[in-house]
Amino acid sequence: MSKRFQDVISTHEQFAELRQVYGHPGERAVKKVISSLDHHCREFISKSPFLALATSNADGECDVSPRGDHPGFVLVLDDHHLFIPERPGNRRLDSVQNILSNPQVGLLFLIPGLGETLRINGKAFVCRDQELLDQCAVNGRRPLFGIGVEVKECFAHCAKALIRSSLWDPEKWLAKELLPFMPQVYADHCQIPEMTTERVEKELNEGYQNRLY
């Protein structure tokens, strides 16, 4: 156990004590979980251009990866199945490797301007179904594979986190000059002599312009 954190809750007995103080979820929070993609979930997904995909490997080591495209880029196949096309990225394939050893995944869908989010949990599959890949083609380019998800749980999540963060409020956004300069972050983290900040910035911009699909 880490020595950096004090008064850590590590047993079920301690959790029971925390539950007494924190309280229990209300009836709405308990009963809002459904096991299939109803028309509300389908509408939400059809209008969502972004999701976060949470995975973990067999040892429980976790990863969260962003997925984004035009609204409705995730295919709803039926009441219990989704298909997420895999667009060109950094080729690490962290999510894929995790799914192969532990197929349980969590998805968080967002719609810009909407505080509430949609959470979906289920079982994932690395899928090369040609018919599905054809449906996901953009500009004549189709993905090499996608992530199929067998849905187990769906539920809406309230807007408190997004309200507190002012995520969709442009007036609360930092000025551009105050934002982290990501080419410098990449260069410092990589520690590759020839990978200068200027080179990273050039390669990032080239990728953003020419290699989205």
Protein backbone atom coordinates (compact mmCIF):
# COMPACT_ATOMS: atom_id res chain seq x y z
CA MET A 1 0.00 0.00 0.00
CA SER A 2 1.22 3.49 -0.85
CA LYS A 3 2.75 5.41 2.04
CA ARG A 4 1.88 8.71 0.38
CA PHE A 5 -1.82 8.54 1.29
CA GLN A 6 -3.10 8.48 4.84
CA ASP A 7 -6.34 7.10 6.29
CA VAL A 8 -6.91 4.83 3.30
CA ILE A 9 -10.12 2.78 3.06
CA SER A 10 -8.97 -0.74 2.20
CA THR A 11 -11.47 -3.17 3.73
CA HIS A 12 -15.16 -3.91 3.31
CA GLU A 13 -15.69 -2.96 6.94
CA GLN A 14 -14.20 0.49 6.32
CA PHE A 15 -16.32 0.84 3.20
CA ALA A 16 -19.42 0.03 5.26
CA GLU A 17 -18.47 2.87 7.62
CA LEU A 18 -18.00 5.20 4.65
CA ARG A 19 -21.38 4.15 3.28
CA GLN A 20 -23.03 5.09 6.57
CA VAL A 21 -21.53 8.58 6.36
CA TYR A 22 -21.89 9.07 2.60
CA GLY A 23 -25.35 7.61 2.39
CA HIS A 24 -27.04 5.31 -0.10
CA PRO A 25 -28.03 6.07 -3.68
CA GLY A 26 -31.58 7.22 -4.22
CA GLU A 27 -34.19 5.12 -5.94
CA ARG A 28 -33.68 6.91 -9.26
CA ALA A 29 -29.93 6.29 -9.22
CA VAL A 30 -30.48 2.60 -8.59
CA LYS A 31 -33.32 1.98 -11.02
CA LYS A 32 -31.97 4.06 -13.93
CA VAL A 33 -29.67 1.22 -15.06
CA ILE A 34 -31.09 -0.69 -18.03
CA SER A 35 -29.68 -3.69 -19.88
CA SER A 36 -30.39 -2.76 -23.50
CA LEU A 37 -30.14 0.16 -25.91
CA ASP A 38 -33.57 1.74 -25.88
CA HIS A 39 -34.61 4.65 -28.09
CA HIS A 40 -33.14 7.18 -25.65
CA CYS A 41 -29.70 5.51 -25.73
CA ARG A 42 -29.88 5.21 -29.51
CA GLU A 43 -30.68 8.90 -29.89
CA PHE A 44 -27.87 9.89 -27.53
CA ILE A 45 -25.32 7.78 -29.40
CA SER A 46 -26.52 9.09 -32.77
CA LYS A 47 -25.76 12.66 -31.63
CA SER A 48 -22.48 11.93 -29.84
CA PRO A 49 -19.18 12.71 -31.62
CA PHE A 50 -16.97 11.57 -28.74
CA LEU A 51 -16.57 8.75 -26.24
CA ALA A 52 -13.98 7.55 -23.75
CA LEU A 53 -13.21 3.83 -23.81
CA ALA A 54 -12.04 2.33 -20.50
CA THR A 55 -10.25 -1.02 -20.52
CA SER A 56 -7.99 -3.03 -18.23
CA ASN A 57 -5.70 -6.00 -18.68
CA ALA A 58 -5.78 -9.31 -16.84
CA ASP A 59 -3.78 -7.77 -13.98
CA GLY A 60 -6.28 -4.93 -13.56
CA GLU A 61 -3.97 -2.26 -15.00
CA CYS A 62 -6.27 0.33 -16.56
CA ASP A 63 -6.35 2.55 -19.61
CA VAL A 64 -8.80 5.15 -20.93
CA SER A 65 -8.68 6.05 -24.60
CA PRO A 66 -10.59 8.75 -26.53
CA ARG A 67 -12.61 7.95 -29.64
CA GLY A 68 -14.12 10.68 -31.80
CA ASP A 69 -15.62 11.35 -35.21
CA HIS A 70 -18.77 12.82 -36.74
CA PRO A 71 -21.92 12.43 -34.57
CA GLY A 72 -23.26 8.92 -34.83
CA PHE A 73 -19.94 7.36 -35.83
CA VAL A 74 -20.65 4.51 -33.41
CA LEU A 75 -23.02 2.02 -35.03
CA VAL A 76 -25.95 0.70 -33.02
CA LEU A 77 -26.46 -2.78 -34.46
CA ASP A 78 -29.40 -3.86 -32.30
CA ASP A 79 -30.64 -3.56 -28.72
CA HIS A 80 -27.50 -5.16 -27.30
CA HIS A 81 -24.60 -4.46 -29.67
CA LEU A 82 -22.46 -1.49 -30.71
CA PHE A 83 -19.60 -1.14 -33.17
CA ILE A 84 -16.84 1.47 -32.74
CA PRO A 85 -14.62 1.98 -35.82
CA GLU A 86 -10.90 2.20 -35.12
CA ARG A 87 -9.49 5.28 -36.84
CA PRO A 88 -5.76 5.87 -37.46
CA GLY A 89 -3.92 6.77 -34.27
CA ASN A 90 -0.58 6.24 -32.57
CA ARG A 91 -0.57 2.47 -33.27
CA ARG A 92 -0.04 1.58 -29.63
CA LEU A 93 -3.21 -0.53 -29.60
CA ASP A 94 -3.40 -0.36 -25.80
CA SER A 95 -7.16 -0.91 -25.76
CA VAL A 96 -6.92 -3.87 -28.13
CA GLN A 97 -4.26 -5.61 -26.05
CA ASN A 98 -6.32 -5.10 -22.91
CA ILE A 99 -9.50 -6.42 -24.51
CA LEU A 100 -7.73 -9.61 -25.58
CA SER A 101 -6.90 -10.40 -21.95
CA ASN A 102 -9.95 -8.82 -20.30
CA PRO A 103 -12.94 -8.02 -22.54
CA GLN A 104 -14.87 -5.98 -19.94
CA VAL A 105 -15.10 -2.33 -21.00
CA GLY A 106 -16.75 0.91 -19.98
CA LEU A 107 -17.87 3.65 -22.39
CA LEU A 108 -18.66 7.29 -21.64
CA PHE A 109 -20.48 9.17 -24.42
CA LEU A 110 -20.54 12.98 -24.53
CA ILE A 111 -22.51 15.47 -26.63
CA PRO A 112 -21.04 19.01 -26.79
CA GLY A 113 -23.20 21.45 -24.90
CA LEU A 114 -25.06 18.76 -22.95
CA GLY A 115 -24.15 18.26 -19.31
CA GLU A 116 -25.54 14.75 -18.93
CA THR A 117 -23.52 11.84 -20.31
CA LEU A 118 -24.32 8.24 -21.23
CA ARG A 119 -22.45 5.37 -19.60
CA ILE A 120 -22.38 1.89 -21.11
CA ASN A 121 -20.67 -1.20 -19.72
CA GLY A 122 -20.24 -4.48 -21.53
CA LYS A 123 -18.04 -7.06 -23.19
CA ALA A 124 -15.80 -6.06 -26.10
CA PHE A 125 -14.53 -7.86 -29.18
CA VAL A 126 -11.81 -6.86 -31.65
CA CYS A 127 -13.74 -7.21 -34.89
CA ARG A 128 -12.89 -7.24 -38.62
CA ASP A 129 -16.44 -7.73 -39.92
CA GLN A 130 -16.17 -6.49 -43.50
CA GLU A 131 -19.81 -5.41 -43.73
CA LEU A 132 -19.51 -3.25 -40.62
CA LEU A 133 -16.19 -1.79 -41.75
CA ASP A 134 -17.76 -0.82 -45.08
CA GLN A 135 -20.45 1.12 -43.21
CA CYS A 136 -17.75 3.06 -41.36
CA ALA A 137 -15.79 4.17 -44.42
CA VAL A 138 -15.03 7.90 -44.70
CA ASN A 139 -13.62 9.54 -47.83
CA GLY A 140 -13.30 6.11 -49.41
CA ARG A 141 -11.17 4.83 -46.53
CA ARG A 142 -12.49 2.20 -44.20
CA PRO A 143 -10.96 1.21 -40.87
CA LEU A 144 -8.90 -1.96 -40.59
CA PHE A 145 -10.94 -3.13 -37.61
CA GLY A 146 -13.29 -1.96 -34.93
CA ILE A 147 -14.39 -2.67 -31.38
CA GLY A 148 -17.67 -4.52 -31.03
CA VAL A 149 -19.42 -4.21 -27.68
CA GLU A 150 -22.05 -6.49 -26.24
CA VAL A 151 -24.00 -4.16 -23.97
CA LYS A 152 -24.70 -5.21 -20.39
CA GLU A 153 -25.57 -1.92 -18.67
CA CYS A 154 -26.70 1.52 -19.86
CA PHE A 155 -27.48 4.57 -17.78
CA ALA A 156 -27.50 8.34 -17.95
CA HIS A 157 -25.11 10.23 -15.69
CA CYS A 158 -26.07 13.60 -14.22
CA ALA A 159 -24.43 16.87 -15.25
CA LYS A 160 -22.82 17.87 -11.94
CA ALA A 161 -19.24 17.09 -13.01
CA LEU A 162 -19.57 19.06 -16.25
CA ILE A 163 -21.30 21.94 -14.49
CA ARG A 164 -18.56 22.13 -11.86
CA SER A 165 -15.87 21.99 -14.55
CA SER A 166 -17.60 24.51 -16.87
CA LEU A 167 -16.47 22.21 -19.66
CA TRP A 168 -18.87 23.62 -22.27
CA ASP A 169 -18.62 27.28 -21.19
CA PRO A 170 -16.23 29.11 -23.56
CA GLU A 171 -16.08 32.07 -21.18
CA LYS A 172 -14.37 29.82 -18.62
CA TRP A 173 -11.83 28.38 -21.06
CA LEU A 174 -8.19 29.37 -20.71
CA ALA A 175 -6.73 31.80 -23.21
CA LYS A 176 -4.85 29.96 -25.95
CA GLU A 177 -1.49 31.30 -24.77
CA LEU A 178 -2.10 29.77 -21.32
CA LEU A 179 -2.80 26.27 -22.61
CA PRO A 180 -0.11 23.58 -22.35
CA PHE A 181 2.06 23.60 -25.47
CA MET A 182 1.67 19.96 -26.39
CA PRO A 183 4.58 19.67 -28.86
CA GLN A 184 6.88 20.61 -25.98
CA VAL A 185 5.19 18.04 -23.75
CA TYR A 186 5.74 15.29 -26.33
CA ALA A 187 9.35 16.30 -26.92
CA ASP A 188 10.19 16.40 -23.21
CA HIS A 189 8.48 13.09 -22.50
CA CYS A 190 10.01 11.23 -25.44
CA GLN A 191 13.60 12.25 -24.67
CA ILE A 192 14.69 11.46 -28.25
CA PRO A 193 17.54 13.82 -29.28
CA GLU A 194 16.34 14.39 -32.84
CA MET A 195 12.70 14.78 -31.75
CA THR A 196 12.74 18.55 -31.33
CA THR A 197 9.71 20.60 -30.37
CA GLU A 198 9.63 22.05 -33.89
CA ARG A 199 9.66 18.59 -35.46
CA VAL A 200 6.93 17.32 -33.15
CA GLU A 201 4.73 20.34 -33.91
CA LYS A 202 5.22 19.85 -37.66
CA GLU A 203 4.43 16.12 -37.51
CA LEU A 204 1.36 16.65 -35.31
CA ASN A 205 -0.07 19.30 -37.63
CA GLU A 206 0.62 17.17 -40.69
CA GLY A 207 -1.14 14.23 -39.08
CA TYR A 208 -4.14 16.34 -38.06
CA GLN A 209 -4.50 17.62 -41.61
CA ASN A 210 -3.80 14.48 -43.63
CA ARG A 211 -4.18 11.34 -41.53
CA LEU A 212 -7.51 11.51 -39.72
CA TYR A 213 -8.85 8.54 -41.72
